PDB file of N, CA and C in Angstrom:
ATOM      1  N   MET A   1       4.198 -30.875   0.266  1.00  0.00           N
ATOM      2  CA  MET A   1       2.714 -30.277  -0.656  1.00  0.00           C
ATOM      3  C   MET A   1       1.420 -30.701  -2.702  1.00  0.00           C
ATOM      4  N   THR A   2       0.822 -31.558  -2.722  1.00  0.00           N
ATOM      5  CA  THR A   2       1.394 -31.716  -4.740  1.00  0.00           C
ATOM      6  C   THR A   2      -0.008 -31.370  -4.864  1.00  0.00           C
ATOM      7  N   ILE A   3       0.548 -30.659  -6.381  1.00  0.00           N
ATOM      8  CA  ILE A   3      -0.877 -29.657  -7.196  1.00  0.00           C
ATOM      9  C   ILE A   3      -1.366 -30.797  -7.922  1.00  0.00           C
ATOM     10  N   PRO A   4      -2.805 -30.504  -7.326  1.00  0.00           N
ATOM     11  CA  PRO A   4      -3.482 -31.966  -8.287  1.00  0.00           C
ATOM     12  C   PRO A   4      -3.454 -31.539  -9.816  1.00  0.00           C
ATOM     13  N   ASN A   5      -3.511 -33.388 -10.159  1.00  0.00           N
ATOM     14  CA  ASN A   5      -3.661 -33.368 -11.830  1.00  0.00           C
ATOM     15  C   ASN A   5      -3.913 -32.455 -13.190  1.00  0.00           C
ATOM     16  N   HIS A   6      -5.475 -31.551 -12.138  1.00  0.00           N
ATOM     17  CA  HIS A   6      -6.196 -31.534 -12.973  1.00  0.00           C
ATOM     18  C   HIS A   6      -5.432 -29.915 -12.879  1.00  0.00           C
ATOM     19  N   ALA A   7      -4.981 -29.998 -11.910  1.00  0.00           N
ATOM     20  CA  ALA A   7      -4.272 -27.980 -11.774  1.00  0.00           C
ATOM     21  C   ALA A   7      -3.313 -28.276 -13.163  1.00  0.00           C
ATOM     22  N   ARG A   8      -2.745 -29.437 -12.803  1.00  0.00           N
ATOM     23  CA  ARG A   8      -1.182 -29.402 -14.057  1.00  0.00           C
ATOM     24  C   ARG A   8      -1.713 -29.483 -15.752  1.00  0.00           C
ATOM     25  N   THR A   9      -2.775 -29.924 -15.781  1.00  0.00           N
ATOM     26  CA  THR A   9      -2.970 -30.346 -16.581  1.00  0.00           C
ATOM     27  C   THR A   9      -3.465 -28.785 -17.354  1.00  0.00           C
ATOM     28  N   ASN A  10      -4.707 -28.125 -16.447  1.00  0.00           N
ATOM     29  CA  ASN A  10      -4.706 -26.709 -16.551  1.00  0.00           C
ATOM     30  C   ASN A  10      -4.174 -25.752 -16.011  1.00  0.00           C
ATOM     31  N   PHE A  11      -3.133 -25.890 -16.325  1.00  0.00           N
ATOM     32  CA  PHE A  11      -1.945 -24.928 -15.703  1.00  0.00           C
ATOM     33  C   PHE A  11      -1.122 -25.191 -17.649  1.00  0.00           C
ATOM     34  N   GLN A  12      -1.107 -25.928 -18.387  1.00  0.00           N
ATOM     35  CA  GLN A  12      -0.408 -26.423 -19.143  1.00  0.00           C
ATOM     36  C   GLN A  12      -0.840 -26.227 -20.744  1.00  0.00           C
ATOM     37  N   THR A  13      -2.480 -26.667 -20.747  1.00  0.00           N
ATOM     38  CA  THR A  13      -3.251 -25.245 -21.225  1.00  0.00           C
ATOM     39  C   THR A  13      -3.060 -23.857 -21.853  1.00  0.00           C
ATOM     40  N   LEU A  14      -3.119 -23.374 -20.419  1.00  0.00           N
ATOM     41  CA  LEU A  14      -3.010 -22.254 -20.371  1.00  0.00           C
ATOM     42  C   LEU A  14      -2.142 -21.479 -20.931  1.00  0.00           C
ATOM     43  N   LEU A  15      -0.333 -21.817 -20.163  1.00  0.00           N
ATOM     44  CA  LEU A  15       1.064 -21.488 -21.420  1.00  0.00           C
ATOM     45  C   LEU A  15       1.007 -21.818 -22.948  1.00  0.00           C
ATOM     46  N   ARG A  16      -0.130 -23.116 -23.299  1.00  0.00           N
ATOM     47  CA  ARG A  16      -0.696 -22.764 -24.299  1.00  0.00           C
ATOM     48  C   ARG A  16      -1.465 -22.038 -25.045  1.00  0.00           C
ATOM     49  N   ALA A  17      -2.557 -21.657 -24.360  1.00  0.00           N
ATOM     50  CA  ALA A  17      -3.252 -21.137 -25.030  1.00  0.00           C
ATOM     51  C   ALA A  17      -2.284 -19.408 -24.733  1.00  0.00           C
ATOM     52  N   ALA A  18      -1.565 -19.162 -24.301  1.00  0.00           N
ATOM     53  CA  ALA A  18      -0.650 -18.030 -24.438  1.00  0.00           C
ATOM     54  C   ALA A  18       0.452 -17.418 -25.491  1.00  0.00           C
ATOM     55  N   ALA A  19       1.418 -19.052 -25.264  1.00  0.00           N
ATOM     56  CA  ALA A  19       1.751 -19.115 -26.167  1.00  0.00           C
ATOM     57  C   ALA A  19       1.566 -18.829 -27.436  1.00  0.00           C
ATOM     58  N   ASP A  20       0.136 -19.671 -28.083  1.00  0.00           N
ATOM     59  CA  ASP A  20      -0.275 -19.126 -29.255  1.00  0.00           C
ATOM     60  C   ASP A  20      -1.308 -18.294 -29.984  1.00  0.00           C
ATOM     61  N   GLY A  21      -1.001 -17.252 -28.592  1.00  0.00           N
ATOM     62  CA  GLY A  21      -1.651 -16.436 -28.386  1.00  0.00           C
ATOM     63  C   GLY A  21      -3.273 -15.929 -28.304  1.00  0.00           C
ATOM     64  N   ASN A  22      -3.914 -17.681 -27.952  1.00  0.00           N
ATOM     65  CA  ASN A  22      -5.568 -17.584 -27.820  1.00  0.00           C
ATOM     66  C   ASN A  22      -5.963 -17.164 -26.455  1.00  0.00           C
ATOM     67  N   LEU A  23      -4.808 -16.328 -26.023  1.00  0.00           N
ATOM     68  CA  LEU A  23      -5.228 -15.735 -24.306  1.00  0.00           C
ATOM     69  C   LEU A  23      -5.955 -14.295 -24.098  1.00  0.00           C
ATOM     70  N   VAL A  24      -7.247 -14.563 -23.526  1.00  0.00           N
ATOM     71  CA  VAL A  24      -7.529 -12.729 -23.776  1.00  0.00           C
ATOM     72  C   VAL A  24      -8.118 -12.987 -22.138  1.00  0.00           C
ATOM     73  N   LEU A  25      -8.055 -11.535 -22.264  1.00  0.00           N
ATOM     74  CA  LEU A  25      -8.538 -10.616 -20.578  1.00  0.00           C
ATOM     75  C   LEU A  25     -10.339 -10.229 -20.488  1.00  0.00           C
ATOM     76  N   MET A  26     -11.129 -11.152 -20.380  1.00  0.00           N
ATOM     77  CA  MET A  26     -12.034 -11.057 -20.680  1.00  0.00           C
ATOM     78  C   MET A  26     -12.866  -9.856 -19.216  1.00  0.00           C
ATOM     79  N   GLU A  27     -13.511  -9.389 -19.578  1.00  0.00           N
ATOM     80  CA  GLU A  27     -14.791  -9.102 -17.994  1.00  0.00           C
ATOM     81  C   GLU A  27     -15.711  -9.574 -17.784  1.00  0.00           C
ATOM     82  N   CYS A  28     -16.114 -10.275 -16.970  1.00  0.00           N
ATOM     83  CA  CYS A  28     -16.949 -10.700 -16.959  1.00  0.00           C
ATOM     84  C   CYS A  28     -18.052  -9.951 -14.854  1.00  0.00           C
ATOM     85  N   LEU A  29     -18.895 -10.659 -14.913  1.00  0.00           N
ATOM     86  CA  LEU A  29     -20.044 -10.611 -13.973  1.00  0.00           C
ATOM     87  C   LEU A  29     -19.946 -11.913 -12.742  1.00  0.00           C
ATOM     88  N   ASP A  30     -19.256 -11.595 -11.637  1.00  0.00           N
ATOM     89  CA  ASP A  30     -19.623 -12.806 -10.872  1.00  0.00           C
ATOM     90  C   ASP A  30     -20.448 -12.893 -10.900  1.00  0.00           C
ATOM     91  N   SER A  31     -21.228 -14.168 -10.944  1.00  0.00           N
ATOM     92  CA  SER A  31     -22.154 -14.905 -10.845  1.00  0.00           C
ATOM     93  C   SER A  31     -23.114 -15.049  -9.892  1.00  0.00           C
ATOM     94  N   ARG A  32     -22.159 -15.173  -8.411  1.00  0.00           N
ATOM     95  CA  ARG A  32     -22.565 -15.061  -7.724  1.00  0.00           C
ATOM     96  C   ARG A  32     -22.891 -13.181  -6.553  1.00  0.00           C
ATOM     97  N   THR A  33     -21.998 -12.896  -7.514  1.00  0.00           N
ATOM     98  CA  THR A  33     -22.153 -10.890  -6.737  1.00  0.00           C
ATOM     99  C   THR A  33     -22.560  -9.803  -7.563  1.00  0.00           C
ATOM    100  N   SER A  34     -22.557 -10.478  -8.803  1.00  0.00           N
ATOM    101  CA  SER A  34     -22.416  -9.535  -9.710  1.00  0.00           C
ATOM    102  C   SER A  34     -21.713  -8.358  -9.654  1.00  0.00           C
ATOM    103  N   GLU A  35     -20.380  -8.704  -8.745  1.00  0.00           N
ATOM    104  CA  GLU A  35     -18.966  -7.443  -9.449  1.00  0.00           C
ATOM    105  C   GLU A  35     -18.783  -8.128 -11.015  1.00  0.00           C
ATOM    106  N   PRO A  36     -18.236  -6.890 -10.842  1.00  0.00           N
ATOM    107  CA  PRO A  36     -17.002  -7.112 -12.638  1.00  0.00           C
ATOM    108  C   PRO A  36     -16.041  -8.199 -11.515  1.00  0.00           C
ATOM    109  N   ARG A  37     -15.631  -8.581 -12.813  1.00  0.00           N
ATOM    110  CA  ARG A  37     -14.344  -9.955 -13.009  1.00  0.00           C
ATOM    111  C   ARG A  37     -13.678  -9.345 -13.635  1.00  0.00           C
ATOM    112  N   TYR A  38     -12.634  -9.516 -14.119  1.00  0.00           N
ATOM    113  CA  TYR A  38     -11.279  -9.575 -15.085  1.00  0.00           C
ATOM    114  C   TYR A  38     -10.726 -11.379 -15.327  1.00  0.00           C
ATOM    115  N   VAL A  39     -11.107 -12.375 -16.054  1.00  0.00           N
ATOM    116  CA  VAL A  39     -11.285 -13.735 -16.321  1.00  0.00           C
ATOM    117  C   VAL A  39     -10.518 -13.884 -17.116  1.00  0.00           C
ATOM    118  N   LEU A  40      -9.151 -14.478 -16.738  1.00  0.00           N
ATOM    119  CA  LEU A  40      -8.023 -15.028 -17.496  1.00  0.00           C
ATOM    120  C   LEU A  40      -8.724 -16.334 -18.871  1.00  0.00           C
ATOM    121  N   CYS A  41      -8.758 -15.859 -19.821  1.00  0.00           N
ATOM    122  CA  CYS A  41      -9.415 -16.579 -20.601  1.00  0.00           C
ATOM    123  C   CYS A  41      -9.242 -18.172 -21.877  1.00  0.00           C
ATOM    124  N   ALA A  42      -8.778 -19.576 -22.847  1.00  0.00           N
ATOM    125  CA  ALA A  42      -8.058 -19.728 -23.215  1.00  0.00           C
ATOM    126  C   ALA A  42      -9.415 -18.908 -24.493  1.00  0.00           C
ATOM    127  N   VAL A  43      -8.747 -19.174 -25.685  1.00  0.00           N
ATOM    128  CA  VAL A  43      -9.684 -19.288 -26.781  1.00  0.00           C
ATOM    129  C   VAL A  43      -9.894 -19.979 -28.119  1.00  0.00           C
ATOM    130  N   GLY A  44     -10.635 -20.196 -27.588  1.00  0.00           N
ATOM    131  CA  GLY A  44     -10.902 -21.853 -29.015  1.00  0.00           C
ATOM    132  C   GLY A  44     -11.736 -21.972 -29.911  1.00  0.00           C
ATOM    133  N   GLN A  45     -11.469 -22.865 -31.038  1.00  0.00           N
ATOM    134  CA  GLN A  45     -12.953 -23.039 -31.809  1.00  0.00           C
ATOM    135  C   GLN A  45     -14.001 -24.379 -31.790  1.00  0.00           C
ATOM    136  N   ASP A  46     -14.780 -23.573 -32.282  1.00  0.00           N
ATOM    137  CA  ASP A  46     -15.887 -25.194 -32.267  1.00  0.00           C
ATOM    138  C   ASP A  46     -16.829 -24.368 -33.520  1.00  0.00           C
ATOM    139  N   GLY A  47     -16.296 -25.171 -35.010  1.00  0.00           N
ATOM    140  CA  GLY A  47     -16.852 -24.841 -36.015  1.00  0.00           C
ATOM    141  C   GLY A  47     -15.995 -23.245 -35.893  1.00  0.00           C
ATOM    142  N   THR A  48     -17.164 -22.300 -36.359  1.00  0.00           N
ATOM    143  CA  THR A  48     -16.973 -20.973 -36.124  1.00  0.00           C
ATOM    144  C   THR A  48     -17.161 -20.169 -35.650  1.00  0.00           C
ATOM    145  N   ASP A  49     -17.745 -21.057 -33.907  1.00  0.00           N
ATOM    146  CA  ASP A  49     -17.494 -19.870 -33.478  1.00  0.00           C
ATOM    147  C   ASP A  49     -16.312 -20.402 -32.232  1.00  0.00           C
ATOM    148  N   ARG A  50     -16.345 -19.164 -31.423  1.00  0.00           N
ATOM    149  CA  ARG A  50     -15.311 -18.937 -31.128  1.00  0.00           C
ATOM    150  C   ARG A  50     -15.457 -19.545 -28.855  1.00  0.00           C
ATOM    151  N   VAL A  51     -14.947 -20.138 -28.907  1.00  0.00           N
ATOM    152  CA  VAL A  51     -15.575 -20.785 -27.259  1.00  0.00           C
ATOM    153  C   VAL A  51     -14.198 -20.371 -26.765  1.00  0.00           C
ATOM    154  N   PHE A  52     -14.900 -19.586 -25.101  1.00  0.00           N
ATOM    155  CA  PHE A  52     -13.503 -18.915 -25.038  1.00  0.00           C
ATOM    156  C   PHE A  52     -14.234 -19.811 -23.245  1.00  0.00           C
ATOM    157  N   THR A  53     -12.265 -20.054 -22.557  1.00  0.00           N
ATOM    158  CA  THR A  53     -12.775 -21.280 -21.312  1.00  0.00           C
ATOM    159  C   THR A  53     -12.113 -20.387 -20.571  1.00  0.00           C
ATOM    160  N   PRO A  54     -13.143 -20.034 -18.911  1.00  0.00           N
ATOM    161  CA  PRO A  54     -11.762 -19.875 -18.562  1.00  0.00           C
ATOM    162  C   PRO A  54     -11.641 -19.951 -17.501  1.00  0.00           C
ATOM    163  N   PHE A  55     -10.245 -19.497 -16.499  1.00  0.00           N
ATOM    164  CA  PHE A  55      -9.429 -20.427 -15.652  1.00  0.00           C
ATOM    165  C   PHE A  55      -9.273 -20.107 -14.364  1.00  0.00           C
ATOM    166  N   GLY A  56      -9.364 -18.565 -13.722  1.00  0.00           N
ATOM    167  CA  GLY A  56      -9.571 -18.207 -13.148  1.00  0.00           C
ATOM    168  C   GLY A  56      -9.634 -16.625 -13.430  1.00  0.00           C
ATOM    169  N   HIS A  57      -9.610 -16.030 -12.311  1.00  0.00           N
ATOM    170  CA  HIS A  57      -9.081 -13.995 -11.883  1.00  0.00           C
ATOM    171  C   HIS A  57      -8.565 -13.558 -11.775  1.00  0.00           C
ATOM    172  N   LEU A  58      -8.511 -12.489 -12.163  1.00  0.00           N
ATOM    173  CA  LEU A  58      -7.138 -11.232 -11.208  1.00  0.00           C
ATOM    174  C   LEU A  58      -7.678 -11.529 -10.117  1.00  0.00           C
ATOM    175  N   SER A  59      -7.336 -11.125  -8.922  1.00  0.00           N
ATOM    176  CA  SER A  59      -7.619 -10.619  -7.301  1.00  0.00           C
ATOM    177  C   SER A  59      -7.791  -9.228  -7.658  1.00  0.00           C
ATOM    178  N   ASP A  60      -8.660  -9.110  -7.397  1.00  0.00           N
ATOM    179  CA  ASP A  60      -8.956  -7.360  -6.116  1.00  0.00           C
ATOM    180  C   ASP A  60      -8.513  -6.744  -5.373  1.00  0.00           C
ATOM    181  N   GLY A  61      -8.019  -5.694  -5.679  1.00  0.00           N
ATOM    182  CA  GLY A  61      -6.380  -5.250  -4.681  1.00  0.00           C
ATOM    183  C   GLY A  61      -5.579  -5.084  -4.666  1.00  0.00           C
ATOM    184  N   ASN A  62      -5.295  -6.025  -3.329  1.00  0.00           N
ATOM    185  CA  ASN A  62      -3.522  -6.260  -3.355  1.00  0.00           C
ATOM    186  C   ASN A  62      -3.525  -7.766  -3.290  1.00  0.00           C
ATOM    187  N   PRO A  63      -3.096  -7.833  -4.506  1.00  0.00           N
ATOM    188  CA  PRO A  63      -3.510  -9.435  -4.590  1.00  0.00           C
ATOM    189  C   PRO A  63      -2.208 -10.659  -3.519  1.00  0.00           C
ATOM    190  N   TYR A  64      -1.087  -9.085  -3.322  1.00  0.00           N
ATOM    191  CA  TYR A  64      -0.043 -10.304  -2.391  1.00  0.00           C
ATOM    192  C   TYR A  64      -1.272 -10.190  -0.567  1.00  0.00           C
ATOM    193  N   ASP A  65      -2.296  -9.331  -0.061  1.00  0.00           N
ATOM    194  CA  ASP A  65      -3.124  -9.901   0.617  1.00  0.00           C
ATOM    195  C   ASP A  65      -4.555 -10.604   0.521  1.00  0.00           C
ATOM    196  N   ALA A  66      -4.681 -11.979  -0.625  1.00  0.00           N
ATOM    197  CA  ALA A  66      -5.207 -12.322  -0.805  1.00  0.00           C
ATOM    198  C   ALA A  66      -4.829 -13.763  -1.288  1.00  0.00           C
ATOM    199  N   TYR A  67      -3.945 -14.439  -0.454  1.00  0.00           N
ATOM    200  CA  TYR A  67      -3.389 -15.634  -0.432  1.00  0.00           C
ATOM    201  C   TYR A  67      -2.327 -15.589   0.217  1.00  0.00           C
ATOM    202  N   LEU A  68      -2.169 -16.721   0.877  1.00  0.00           N
ATOM    203  CA  LEU A  68      -1.178 -18.093   1.951  1.00  0.00           C
ATOM    204  C   LEU A  68      -0.440 -17.924   1.111  1.00  0.00           C
ATOM    205  N   PRO A  69       1.651 -17.573   1.019  1.00  0.00           N
ATOM    206  CA  PRO A  69       1.571 -18.355   0.293  1.00  0.00           C
ATOM    207  C   PRO A  69       2.230 -20.514   0.592  1.00  0.00           C
ATOM    208  N   PRO A  70       2.865 -20.756  -0.503  1.00  0.00           N
ATOM    209  CA  PRO A  70       3.365 -22.135   1.418  1.00  0.00           C
ATOM    210  C   PRO A  70       3.952 -21.772   2.038  1.00  0.00           C
ATOM    211  N   ASP A  71       4.711 -22.227   3.364  1.00  0.00           N
ATOM    212  CA  ASP A  71       5.772 -21.992   3.962  1.00  0.00           C
ATOM    213  C   ASP A  71       7.544 -22.629   3.675  1.00  0.00           C
ATOM    214  N   PRO A  72       8.224 -22.305   3.204  1.00  0.00           N
ATOM    215  CA  PRO A  72       9.170 -22.508   2.713  1.00  0.00           C
ATOM    216  C   PRO A  72      10.041 -23.437   3.986  1.00  0.00           C
ATOM    217  N   ASP A  73       9.841 -22.944   5.127  1.00  0.00           N
ATOM    218  CA  ASP A  73      10.499 -24.548   6.463  1.00  0.00           C
ATOM    219  C   ASP A  73      10.066 -25.207   6.307  1.00  0.00           C
ATOM    220  N   ASN A  74       8.266 -25.727   5.371  1.00  0.00           N
ATOM    221  CA  ASN A  74       7.499 -26.419   6.301  1.00  0.00           C
ATOM    222  C   ASN A  74       6.656 -27.345   5.236  1.00  0.00           C
ATOM    223  N   PRO A  75       7.440 -28.203   4.302  1.00  0.00           N
ATOM    224  CA  PRO A  75       6.702 -28.051   2.581  1.00  0.00           C
ATOM    225  C   PRO A  75       5.665 -28.922   2.941  1.00  0.00           C
ATOM    226  N   ARG A  76       5.079 -28.553   3.753  1.00  0.00           N
ATOM    227  CA  ARG A  76       3.747 -29.358   4.269  1.00  0.00           C
ATOM    228  C   ARG A  76       3.098 -28.239   4.704  1.00  0.00           C
ATOM    229  N   GLY A  77       2.925 -26.701   4.881  1.00  0.00           N
ATOM    230  CA  GLY A  77       1.836 -26.279   5.602  1.00  0.00           C
ATOM    231  C   GLY A  77       1.752 -24.657   4.749  1.00  0.00           C
ATOM    232  N   PHE A  78       1.329 -23.822   4.825  1.00  0.00           N
ATOM    233  CA  PHE A  78       1.733 -22.274   4.505  1.00  0.00           C
ATOM    234  C   PHE A  78       2.013 -21.420   5.567  1.00  0.00           C
ATOM    235  N   LEU A  79       2.688 -19.959   5.094  1.00  0.00           N
ATOM    236  CA  LEU A  79       2.824 -18.872   5.908  1.00  0.00           C
ATOM    237  C   LEU A  79       1.477 -18.166   6.615  1.00  0.00           C
ATOM    238  N   THR A  80       1.635 -18.358   7.835  1.00  0.00           N
ATOM    239  CA  THR A  80      -0.313 -17.248   8.501  1.00  0.00           C
ATOM    240  C   THR A  80       0.570 -16.303   8.006  1.00  0.00           C
ATOM    241  N   PRO A  81      -1.080 -15.213   8.508  1.00  0.00           N
ATOM    242  CA  PRO A  81      -0.834 -14.178   7.710  1.00  0.00           C
ATOM    243  C   PRO A  81       0.118 -13.362   8.441  1.00  0.00           C
ATOM    244  N   GLY A  82       0.522 -12.679   9.282  1.00  0.00           N
ATOM    245  CA  GLY A  82       1.265 -12.485   9.859  1.00  0.00           C
ATOM    246  C   GLY A  82       2.684 -12.283   9.219  1.00  0.00           C
ATOM    247  N   GLN A  83       3.361 -13.700   8.950  1.00  0.00           N
ATOM    248  CA  GLN A  83       4.517 -13.985   8.312  1.00  0.00           C
ATOM    249  C   GLN A  83       4.140 -13.458   6.621  1.00  0.00           C
ATOM    250  N   ALA A  84       3.267 -13.280   6.078  1.00  0.00           N
ATOM    251  CA  ALA A  84       2.955 -13.283   4.814  1.00  0.00           C
ATOM    252  C   ALA A  84       2.848 -12.251   4.829  1.00  0.00           C
ATOM    253  N   ARG A  85       3.171 -11.456   5.899  1.00  0.00           N
ATOM    254  CA  ARG A  85       2.972  -9.440   5.669  1.00  0.00           C
ATOM    255  C   ARG A  85       3.817  -9.542   5.596  1.00  0.00           C
ATOM    256  N   SER A  86       5.067  -9.786   6.450  1.00  0.00           N
ATOM    257  CA  SER A  86       6.347  -9.208   6.656  1.00  0.00           C
ATOM    258  C   SER A  86       7.550  -9.934   5.736  1.00  0.00           C
ATOM    259  N   GLU A  87       6.765 -11.015   5.327  1.00  0.00           N
ATOM    260  CA  GLU A  87       8.107 -11.008   3.466  1.00  0.00           C
ATOM    261  C   GLU A  87       7.488 -10.540   2.802  1.00  0.00           C
ATOM    262  N   SER A  88       5.972 -10.615   2.489  1.00  0.00           N
ATOM    263  CA  SER A  88       6.132  -9.746   1.041  1.00  0.00           C
ATOM    264  C   SER A  88       6.173  -8.469   1.263  1.00  0.00           C
ATOM    265  N   ARG A  89       6.164  -7.903  -0.568  1.00  0.00           N
ATOM    266  CA  ARG A  89       6.390  -6.776  -0.918  1.00  0.00           C
ATOM    267  C   ARG A  89       5.801  -6.092  -0.787  1.00  0.00           C
ATOM    268  N   SER A  90       5.697  -4.342  -0.566  1.00  0.00           N
ATOM    269  CA  SER A  90       4.692  -3.920  -0.624  1.00  0.00           C
ATOM    270  C   SER A  90       3.993  -3.513  -1.882  1.00  0.00           C
ATOM    271  N   PRO A  91       2.993  -2.839  -3.000  1.00  0.00           N
ATOM    272  CA  PRO A  91       1.898  -3.216  -3.807  1.00  0.00           C
ATOM    273  C   PRO A  91       3.259  -1.307  -4.851  1.00  0.00           C
ATOM    274  N   ALA A  92       3.569  -2.486  -6.227  1.00  0.00           N
ATOM    275  CA  ALA A  92       3.979  -1.028  -7.168  1.00  0.00           C
ATOM    276  C   ALA A  92       2.662  -0.278  -7.091  1.00  0.00           C
ATOM    277  N   ALA A  93       2.961   1.015  -7.699  1.00  0.00           N
ATOM    278  CA  ALA A  93       1.794   1.911  -9.018  1.00  0.00           C
ATOM    279  C   ALA A  93       0.888   0.773  -9.926  1.00  0.00           C
ATOM    280  N   ASP A  94       1.833  -0.147 -10.298  1.00  0.00           N
ATOM    281  CA  ASP A  94       1.891  -0.902 -10.988  1.00  0.00           C
ATOM    282  C   ASP A  94      -0.372  -1.176 -10.400  1.00  0.00           C
ATOM    283  N   ASP A  95       0.322  -2.059  -9.301  1.00  0.00           N
ATOM    284  CA  ASP A  95      -0.423  -3.133  -8.293  1.00  0.00           C
ATOM    285  C   ASP A  95      -2.206  -2.147  -7.867  1.00  0.00           C
ATOM    286  N   ARG A  96      -1.837  -0.956  -7.967  1.00  0.00           N
ATOM    287  CA  ARG A  96      -2.374   0.265  -6.970  1.00  0.00           C
ATOM    288  C   ARG A  96      -3.580   0.937  -8.384  1.00  0.00           C
ATOM    289  N   GLY A  97      -3.052   0.223  -9.351  1.00  0.00           N
ATOM    290  CA  GLY A  97      -4.298   0.879 -10.789  1.00  0.00           C
ATOM    291  C   GLY A  97      -2.950   2.285 -11.085  1.00  0.00           C
ATOM    292  N   GLU A  98      -2.030   2.732 -10.990  1.00  0.00           N
ATOM    293  CA  GLU A  98      -1.976   3.843 -10.876  1.00  0.00           C
ATOM    294  C   GLU A  98      -0.887   3.895 -12.596  1.00  0.00           C
ATOM    295  N   SER A  99      -0.915   3.056 -13.129  1.00  0.00           N
ATOM    296  CA  SER A  99      -0.397   3.567 -14.297  1.00  0.00           C
ATOM    297  C   SER A  99      -1.421   3.263 -15.655  1.00  0.00           C
ATOM    298  N   ASN A 100      -0.366   4.152 -16.458  1.00  0.00           N
ATOM    299  CA  ASN A 100      -0.509   4.616 -17.618  1.00  0.00           C
ATOM    300  C   ASN A 100      -0.882   3.049 -18.563  1.00  0.00           C
ATOM    301  N   ALA A 101      -0.362   2.350 -18.327  1.00  0.00           N
ATOM    302  CA  ALA A 101      -0.080   1.590 -19.142  1.00  0.00           C
ATOM    303  C   ALA A 101      -1.212   0.790 -19.683  1.00  0.00           C
ATOM    304  N   ASP A 102      -1.504   0.564 -21.063  1.00  0.00           N
ATOM    305  CA  ASP A 102      -2.559  -0.262 -21.719  1.00  0.00           C
ATOM    306  C   ASP A 102      -3.690   0.409 -21.192  1.00  0.00           C
ATOM    307  N   GLN A 103      -3.935   1.247 -21.346  1.00  0.00           N
ATOM    308  CA  GLN A 103      -5.366   2.755 -21.475  1.00  0.00           C
ATOM    309  C   GLN A 103      -5.773   2.516 -22.722  1.00  0.00           C
ATOM    310  N   ALA A 104      -6.881   2.611 -23.145  1.00  0.00           N
ATOM    311  CA  ALA A 104      -7.516   2.844 -24.281  1.00  0.00           C
ATOM    312  C   ALA A 104      -8.389   4.167 -24.529  1.00  0.00           C
TER     313      ALA A 104
END
């Protein structure tokens, strides 16, 4: 599988923003459901205004249940849900929101 150029470019932009200290986690509302989303944004400048460019949101619930990773035995395929569950780790306390870190 080949990652498209636009995704590679966006990822490089995200890495630069993080390295420069210009990456933020912003609470937003999903435009379709109005549910809260926690969005990774790069921060830029347009004159005196700050510009926030969203790159994606953090997964709700257990992120290991949200995605099917590539199949290491088939470069063109993905694991099935059953394979992914058997190969994934169980969520840590932080994944379940049980950590005290970064609480204001």
